[in-house]
PDB file of all heavy atoms in Angstrom:
ATOM      1  N   PHE A   1       0.813  -1.241   0.017  1.00  0.00           N
ATOM      2  CA  PHE A   1      -0.053  -0.023   0.020  1.00  0.00           C
ATOM      3  C   PHE A   1       0.779   1.271  -0.051  1.00  0.00           C
ATOM      4  O   PHE A   1       0.174   2.348  -0.187  1.00  0.00           O
ATOM      5  CB  PHE A   1      -0.937  -0.026   1.213  1.00  0.00           C
ATOM      6  CG  PHE A   1      -2.160  -0.888   1.108  1.00  0.00           C
ATOM      7  CD1 PHE A   1      -2.089  -2.120   1.721  1.00  0.00           C
ATOM      8  CD2 PHE A   1      -3.217  -0.522   0.360  1.00  0.00           C
ATOM      9  CE1 PHE A   1      -3.256  -2.951   1.585  1.00  0.00           C
ATOM     10  CE2 PHE A   1      -4.314  -1.396   0.228  1.00  0.00           C
ATOM     11  CZ  PHE A   1      -4.379  -2.585   0.833  1.00  0.00           C
ATOM     12  N   ILE A   2       2.089   1.168   0.155  1.00  0.00           N
ATOM     13  CA  ILE A   2       2.887   2.363   0.370  1.00  0.00           C
ATOM     14  C   ILE A   2       2.815   3.234  -0.877  1.00  0.00           C
ATOM     15  O   ILE A   2       2.820   2.733  -1.985  1.00  0.00           O
ATOM     16  CB  ILE A   2       4.446   2.059   0.635  1.00  0.00           C
ATOM     17  CG1 ILE A   2       4.639   1.441   2.045  1.00  0.00           C
ATOM     18  CG2 ILE A   2       5.304   3.283   0.601  1.00  0.00           C
ATOM     19  CD1 ILE A   2       5.984   0.773   2.215  1.00  0.00           C
ATOM     20  N   ASP A   3       2.526   4.632  -0.585  1.00  0.00           N
ATOM     21  CA  ASP A   3       2.340   5.611  -1.674  1.00  0.00           C
ATOM     22  C   ASP A   3       1.063   5.478  -2.440  1.00  0.00           C
ATOM     23  O   ASP A   3       1.042   6.084  -3.522  1.00  0.00           O
ATOM     24  CB  ASP A   3       3.608   5.667  -2.545  1.00  0.00           C
ATOM     25  CG  ASP A   3       4.825   6.245  -1.791  1.00  0.00           C
ATOM     26  OD1 ASP A   3       4.650   7.048  -0.904  1.00  0.00           O
ATOM     27  OD2 ASP A   3       5.951   5.742  -2.162  1.00  0.00           O
ATOM     28  N   GLN A   4       0.232   4.566  -1.972  1.00  0.00           N
ATOM     29  CA  GLN A   4      -1.166   4.438  -2.723  1.00  0.00           C
ATOM     30  C   GLN A   4      -2.104   5.479  -2.188  1.00  0.00           C
ATOM     31  O   GLN A   4      -2.150   5.771  -1.052  1.00  0.00           O
ATOM     32  CB  GLN A   4      -1.502   3.090  -2.605  1.00  0.00           C
ATOM     33  CG  GLN A   4      -0.779   1.911  -3.173  1.00  0.00           C
ATOM     34  CD  GLN A   4      -0.560   2.020  -4.688  1.00  0.00           C
ATOM     35  OE1 GLN A   4      -1.563   2.184  -5.339  1.00  0.00           O
ATOM     36  NE2 GLN A   4       0.646   1.975  -5.079  1.00  0.00           N
ATOM     37  N   GLU A   5      -2.954   5.845  -3.014  1.00  0.00           N
ATOM     38  CA  GLU A   5      -4.206   6.632  -2.635  1.00  0.00           C
ATOM     39  C   GLU A   5      -5.241   5.624  -2.269  1.00  0.00           C
ATOM     40  O   GLU A   5      -5.464   4.795  -3.106  1.00  0.00           O
ATOM     41  CB  GLU A   5      -4.549   7.610  -3.764  1.00  0.00           C
ATOM     42  CG  GLU A   5      -5.631   8.498  -3.335  1.00  0.00           C
ATOM     43  CD  GLU A   5      -5.849   9.618  -4.443  1.00  0.00           C
ATOM     44  OE1 GLU A   5      -5.062  10.440  -4.794  1.00  0.00           O
ATOM     45  OE2 GLU A   5      -7.134   9.476  -5.038  1.00  0.00           O
ATOM     46  N   VAL A   6      -5.965   5.850  -1.234  1.00  0.00           N
ATOM     47  CA  VAL A   6      -6.945   4.970  -0.743  1.00  0.00           C
ATOM     48  C   VAL A   6      -8.214   5.829  -0.363  1.00  0.00           C
ATOM     49  O   VAL A   6      -8.135   6.927  -0.084  1.00  0.00           O
ATOM     50  CB  VAL A   6      -6.650   4.042   0.369  1.00  0.00           C
ATOM     51  CG1 VAL A   6      -5.588   3.159   0.052  1.00  0.00           C
ATOM     52  CG2 VAL A   6      -6.107   4.826   1.601  1.00  0.00           C
ATOM     53  N   SER A   7      -9.395   5.099  -0.435  1.00  0.00           N
ATOM     54  CA  SER A   7     -10.574   5.812   0.134  1.00  0.00           C
ATOM     55  C   SER A   7     -10.488   6.066   1.597  1.00  0.00           C
ATOM     56  O   SER A   7      -9.870   5.251   2.261  1.00  0.00           O
ATOM     57  CB  SER A   7     -11.899   5.167  -0.315  1.00  0.00           C
ATOM     58  OG  SER A   7     -11.895   3.889   0.295  1.00  0.00           O
ATOM     59  N   TYR A   8     -11.158   7.233   2.033  1.00  0.00           N
ATOM     60  CA  TYR A   8     -11.101   7.495   3.439  1.00  0.00           C
ATOM     61  C   TYR A   8     -12.343   7.991   3.921  1.00  0.00           C
ATOM     62  O   TYR A   8     -13.078   8.819   3.158  1.00  0.00           O
ATOM     63  CB  TYR A   8      -9.989   8.609   3.653  1.00  0.00           C
ATOM     64  CG  TYR A   8      -9.841   9.025   5.128  1.00  0.00           C
ATOM     65  CD1 TYR A   8      -9.004   8.362   5.998  1.00  0.00           C
ATOM     66  CD2 TYR A   8     -10.665  10.174   5.676  1.00  0.00           C
ATOM     67  CE1 TYR A   8      -8.780   8.781   7.325  1.00  0.00           C
ATOM     68  CE2 TYR A   8     -10.509  10.435   7.019  1.00  0.00           C
ATOM     69  CZ  TYR A   8      -9.572   9.798   7.763  1.00  0.00           C
ATOM     70  OH  TYR A   8      -9.528  10.030   9.077  1.00  0.00           O
ATOM     71  N   ASP A   9     -12.828   7.598   5.020  1.00  0.00           N
ATOM     72  CA  ASP A   9     -14.038   8.038   5.731  1.00  0.00           C
ATOM     73  C   ASP A   9     -13.849   7.874   7.219  1.00  0.00           C
ATOM     74  O   ASP A   9     -13.442   6.982   7.681  1.00  0.00           O
ATOM     75  CB  ASP A   9     -15.174   7.123   5.332  1.00  0.00           C
ATOM     76  CG  ASP A   9     -16.522   7.569   5.988  1.00  0.00           C
ATOM     77  OD1 ASP A   9     -16.587   8.057   7.043  1.00  0.00           O
ATOM     78  OD2 ASP A   9     -17.607   7.268   5.344  1.00  0.00           O
ATOM     79  N   VAL A  10     -14.001   9.101   7.876  1.00  0.00           N
ATOM     80  CA  VAL A  10     -13.633   9.198   9.286  1.00  0.00           C
ATOM     81  C   VAL A  10     -14.299   8.067  10.166  1.00  0.00           C
ATOM     82  O   VAL A  10     -13.819   7.641  11.114  1.00  0.00           O
ATOM     83  CB  VAL A  10     -13.674  10.575   9.842  1.00  0.00           C
ATOM     84  CG1 VAL A  10     -15.178  10.987  10.033  1.00  0.00           C
ATOM     85  CG2 VAL A  10     -12.937  10.807  11.142  1.00  0.00           C
ATOM     86  N   LEU A  11     -15.580   7.793   9.716  1.00  0.00           N
ATOM     87  CA  LEU A  11     -16.407   6.801  10.491  1.00  0.00           C
ATOM     88  C   LEU A  11     -16.228   5.348   9.954  1.00  0.00           C
ATOM     89  O   LEU A  11     -16.549   4.505  10.722  1.00  0.00           O
ATOM     90  CB  LEU A  11     -17.802   7.305  10.592  1.00  0.00           C
ATOM     91  CG  LEU A  11     -18.091   8.565  11.332  1.00  0.00           C
ATOM     92  CD1 LEU A  11     -19.544   8.911  11.307  1.00  0.00           C
ATOM     93  CD2 LEU A  11     -17.568   8.422  12.833  1.00  0.00           C
ATOM     94  N   GLY A  12     -16.082   5.310   8.622  1.00  0.00           N
ATOM     95  CA  GLY A  12     -16.136   3.970   8.030  1.00  0.00           C
ATOM     96  C   GLY A  12     -14.991   3.379   7.501  1.00  0.00           C
ATOM     97  O   GLY A  12     -14.918   2.104   7.243  1.00  0.00           O
ATOM     98  N   ASN A  13     -13.785   4.240   7.176  1.00  0.00           N
ATOM     99  CA  ASN A  13     -12.668   3.737   6.710  1.00  0.00           C
ATOM    100  C   ASN A  13     -11.469   4.773   7.057  1.00  0.00           C
ATOM    101  O   ASN A  13     -10.986   5.354   6.114  1.00  0.00           O
ATOM    102  CB  ASN A  13     -12.865   3.486   5.107  1.00  0.00           C
ATOM    103  CG  ASN A  13     -11.702   2.789   4.517  1.00  0.00           C
ATOM    104  OD1 ASN A  13     -11.057   1.896   5.116  1.00  0.00           O
ATOM    105  ND2 ASN A  13     -11.462   3.026   3.260  1.00  0.00           N
ATOM    106  N   ASN A  14     -11.208   4.649   8.256  1.00  0.00           N
ATOM    107  CA  ASN A  14     -10.149   5.610   8.847  1.00  0.00           C
ATOM    108  C   ASN A  14      -8.801   4.933   9.090  1.00  0.00           C
ATOM    109  O   ASN A  14      -8.572   3.833   8.645  1.00  0.00           O
ATOM    110  CB  ASN A  14     -10.774   6.336  10.054  1.00  0.00           C
ATOM    111  CG  ASN A  14     -10.934   5.417  11.268  1.00  0.00           C
ATOM    112  OD1 ASN A  14     -10.257   4.406  11.469  1.00  0.00           O
ATOM    113  ND2 ASN A  14     -11.896   5.717  12.017  1.00  0.00           N
ATOM    114  N   CYS A  15      -7.853   5.651   9.716  1.00  0.00           N
ATOM    115  CA  CYS A  15      -6.523   5.090   9.906  1.00  0.00           C
ATOM    116  C   CYS A  15      -6.555   3.865  10.834  1.00  0.00           C
ATOM    117  O   CYS A  15      -5.729   2.993  10.654  1.00  0.00           O
ATOM    118  CB  CYS A  15      -5.509   6.183  10.548  1.00  0.00           C
ATOM    119  SG  CYS A  15      -6.218   6.927  12.134  1.00  0.00           S
ATOM    120  N   GLU A  16      -7.390   3.800  11.712  1.00  0.00           N
ATOM    121  CA  GLU A  16      -7.472   2.692  12.652  1.00  0.00           C
ATOM    122  C   GLU A  16      -8.063   1.400  11.873  1.00  0.00           C
ATOM    123  O   GLU A  16      -7.669   0.279  11.952  1.00  0.00           O
ATOM    124  CB  GLU A  16      -8.418   3.038  13.841  1.00  0.00           C
ATOM    125  CG  GLU A  16      -8.410   1.818  14.921  1.00  0.00           C
ATOM    126  CD  GLU A  16      -9.279   2.149  16.176  1.00  0.00           C
ATOM    127  OE1 GLU A  16      -9.834   3.313  16.212  1.00  0.00           O
ATOM    128  OE2 GLU A  16      -9.258   1.377  17.080  1.00  0.00           O
ATOM    129  N   HIS A  17      -9.168   1.618  10.976  1.00  0.00           N
ATOM    130  CA  HIS A  17      -9.636   0.660  10.246  1.00  0.00           C
ATOM    131  C   HIS A  17      -8.379   0.045   9.280  1.00  0.00           C
ATOM    132  O   HIS A  17      -8.305  -1.121   9.170  1.00  0.00           O
ATOM    133  CB  HIS A  17     -10.721   1.069   9.259  1.00  0.00           C
ATOM    134  CG  HIS A  17     -11.995   1.420   9.832  1.00  0.00           C
ATOM    135  ND1 HIS A  17     -12.457   2.785  10.115  1.00  0.00           N
ATOM    136  CD2 HIS A  17     -13.000   0.620  10.368  1.00  0.00           C
ATOM    137  CE1 HIS A  17     -13.588   2.674  10.768  1.00  0.00           C
ATOM    138  NE2 HIS A  17     -13.957   1.440  10.927  1.00  0.00           N
ATOM    139  N   PHE A  18      -7.597   0.962   8.743  1.00  0.00           N
ATOM    140  CA  PHE A  18      -6.668   0.540   7.829  1.00  0.00           C
ATOM    141  C   PHE A  18      -5.561  -0.417   8.546  1.00  0.00           C
ATOM    142  O   PHE A  18      -5.227  -1.454   8.046  1.00  0.00           O
ATOM    143  CB  PHE A  18      -5.834   1.778   7.283  1.00  0.00           C
ATOM    144  CG  PHE A  18      -4.737   1.466   6.418  1.00  0.00           C
ATOM    145  CD1 PHE A  18      -4.900   0.898   5.138  1.00  0.00           C
ATOM    146  CD2 PHE A  18      -3.435   1.547   6.739  1.00  0.00           C
ATOM    147  CE1 PHE A  18      -3.802   0.582   4.279  1.00  0.00           C
ATOM    148  CE2 PHE A  18      -2.318   1.332   6.036  1.00  0.00           C
ATOM    149  CZ  PHE A  18      -2.563   0.862   4.780  1.00  0.00           C
ATOM    150  N   VAL A  19      -5.090  -0.035   9.670  1.00  0.00           N
ATOM    151  CA  VAL A  19      -4.004  -0.800  10.329  1.00  0.00           C
ATOM    152  C   VAL A  19      -4.575  -2.024  10.925  1.00  0.00           C
ATOM    153  O   VAL A  19      -3.910  -3.054  10.978  1.00  0.00           O
ATOM    154  CB  VAL A  19      -3.246   0.026  11.290  1.00  0.00           C
ATOM    155  CG1 VAL A  19      -2.472   1.138  10.617  1.00  0.00           C
ATOM    156  CG2 VAL A  19      -4.054   0.534  12.448  1.00  0.00           C
ATOM    157  N   THR A  20      -5.787  -2.129  11.436  1.00  0.00           N
ATOM    158  CA  THR A  20      -6.413  -3.306  11.889  1.00  0.00           C
ATOM    159  C   THR A  20      -6.558  -4.273  10.828  1.00  0.00           C
ATOM    160  O   THR A  20      -6.496  -5.452  11.120  1.00  0.00           O
ATOM    161  CB  THR A  20      -7.574  -3.052  12.822  1.00  0.00           C
ATOM    162  OG1 THR A  20      -8.573  -2.377  12.050  1.00  0.00           O
ATOM    163  CG2 THR A  20      -7.380  -2.289  14.147  1.00  0.00           C
ATOM    164  N   SER A  21      -7.053  -3.793   9.717  1.00  0.00           N
ATOM    165  CA  SER A  21      -7.133  -4.745   8.525  1.00  0.00           C
ATOM    166  C   SER A  21      -5.835  -5.416   8.151  1.00  0.00           C
ATOM    167  O   SER A  21      -5.783  -6.516   7.763  1.00  0.00           O
ATOM    168  CB  SER A  21      -7.799  -3.963   7.332  1.00  0.00           C
ATOM    169  OG  SER A  21      -6.794  -3.099   6.714  1.00  0.00           O
ATOM    170  N   LEU A  22      -4.694  -4.556   8.335  1.00  0.00           N
ATOM    171  CA  LEU A  22      -3.375  -5.198   8.031  1.00  0.00           C
ATOM    172  C   LEU A  22      -2.938  -6.240   9.033  1.00  0.00           C
ATOM    173  O   LEU A  22      -2.520  -7.351   8.658  1.00  0.00           O
ATOM    174  CB  LEU A  22      -2.328  -4.069   8.001  1.00  0.00           C
ATOM    175  CG  LEU A  22      -2.446  -3.090   6.820  1.00  0.00           C
ATOM    176  CD1 LEU A  22      -1.386  -1.990   7.077  1.00  0.00           C
ATOM    177  CD2 LEU A  22      -2.326  -3.728   5.545  1.00  0.00           C
ATOM    178  N   ARG A  23      -3.249  -5.964  10.375  1.00  0.00           N
ATOM    179  CA  ARG A  23      -2.763  -6.844  11.415  1.00  0.00           C
ATOM    180  C   ARG A  23      -3.700  -8.130  11.429  1.00  0.00           C
ATOM    181  O   ARG A  23      -3.235  -9.232  11.740  1.00  0.00           O
ATOM    182  CB  ARG A  23      -2.746  -6.150  12.701  1.00  0.00           C
ATOM    183  CG  ARG A  23      -2.297  -7.082  13.973  1.00  0.00           C
ATOM    184  CD  ARG A  23      -2.051  -6.241  15.150  1.00  0.00           C
ATOM    185  NE  ARG A  23      -1.758  -7.021  16.284  1.00  0.00           N
ATOM    186  CZ  ARG A  23      -0.470  -7.543  16.509  1.00  0.00           C
ATOM    187  NH1 ARG A  23       0.544  -7.163  15.758  1.00  0.00           N
ATOM    188  NH2 ARG A  23      -0.344  -8.309  17.531  1.00  0.00           N
ATOM    189  N   TYR A  24      -5.068  -7.868  11.440  1.00  0.00           N
ATOM    190  CA  TYR A  24      -5.960  -8.932  11.748  1.00  0.00           C
ATOM    191  C   TYR A  24      -6.692  -9.481  10.390  1.00  0.00           C
ATOM    192  O   TYR A  24      -7.365 -10.497  10.567  1.00  0.00           O
ATOM    193  CB  TYR A  24      -7.090  -8.496  12.772  1.00  0.00           C
ATOM    194  CG  TYR A  24      -6.440  -7.969  13.989  1.00  0.00           C
ATOM    195  CD1 TYR A  24      -6.467  -6.569  14.295  1.00  0.00           C
ATOM    196  CD2 TYR A  24      -5.873  -8.764  14.939  1.00  0.00           C
ATOM    197  CE1 TYR A  24      -6.072  -6.042  15.477  1.00  0.00           C
ATOM    198  CE2 TYR A  24      -5.246  -8.320  16.079  1.00  0.00           C
ATOM    199  CZ  TYR A  24      -5.389  -6.921  16.356  1.00  0.00           C
ATOM    200  OH  TYR A  24      -4.834  -6.410  17.465  1.00  0.00           O
ATOM    201  N   GLY A  25      -6.618  -8.807   9.377  1.00  0.00           N
ATOM    202  CA  GLY A  25      -7.375  -9.192   8.244  1.00  0.00           C
ATOM    203  C   GLY A  25      -8.884  -8.690   8.385  1.00  0.00           C
ATOM    204  O   GLY A  25      -9.730  -9.080   7.623  1.00  0.00           O
ATOM    205  N   LYS A  26      -9.113  -7.852   9.405  1.00  0.00           N
ATOM    206  CA  LYS A  26     -10.483  -7.383   9.650  1.00  0.00           C
ATOM    207  C   LYS A  26     -10.356  -5.919   9.913  1.00  0.00           C
ATOM    208  O   LYS A  26      -9.591  -5.567  10.940  1.00  0.00           O
ATOM    209  CB  LYS A  26     -11.189  -8.161  10.737  1.00  0.00           C
ATOM    210  CG  LYS A  26     -12.543  -7.672  11.162  1.00  0.00           C
ATOM    211  CD  LYS A  26     -13.311  -8.598  11.821  1.00  0.00           C
ATOM    212  CE  LYS A  26     -14.747  -8.182  12.310  1.00  0.00           C
ATOM    213  NZ  LYS A  26     -15.470  -7.771  11.112  1.00  0.00           N
ATOM    214  N   ALA A  27     -11.077  -5.127   9.359  1.00  0.00           N
ATOM    215  CA  ALA A  27     -10.994  -3.605   9.666  1.00  0.00           C
ATOM    216  C   ALA A  27     -12.088  -3.288  10.696  1.00  0.00           C
ATOM    217  O   ALA A  27     -13.241  -3.352  10.643  1.00  0.00           O
ATOM    218  CB  ALA A  27     -11.366  -2.776   8.461  1.00  0.00           C
ATOM    219  N   VAL A  28     -11.422  -2.757  11.922  1.00  0.00           N
ATOM    220  CA  VAL A  28     -12.214  -2.369  13.110  1.00  0.00           C
ATOM    221  C   VAL A  28     -11.710  -1.065  13.676  1.00  0.00           C
ATOM    222  O   VAL A  28     -10.597  -0.721  13.508  1.00  0.00           O
ATOM    223  CB  VAL A  28     -12.312  -3.468  14.199  1.00  0.00           C
ATOM    224  CG1 VAL A  28     -12.939  -4.699  13.739  1.00  0.00           C
ATOM    225  CG2 VAL A  28     -10.821  -3.812  14.735  1.00  0.00           C
ATOM    226  N   SER A  29     -12.610  -0.269  14.136  1.00  0.00           N
ATOM    227  CA  SER A  29     -12.179   1.038  14.822  1.00  0.00           C
ATOM    228  C   SER A  29     -13.168   1.344  16.050  1.00  0.00           C
ATOM    229  O   SER A  29     -14.259   1.705  15.819  1.00  0.00           O
ATOM    230  CB  SER A  29     -12.280   2.142  13.838  1.00  0.00           C
ATOM    231  OG  SER A  29     -12.074   3.375  14.416  1.00  0.00           O
TER     232      SER A  29
END
């Protein structure tokens, strides 16, 4: 994902969602 543009939504797809999806395979915030 480095240097990629991704969709962002503060409630549905934020920085916490992103990193938890990397660690667990599930996006949670």
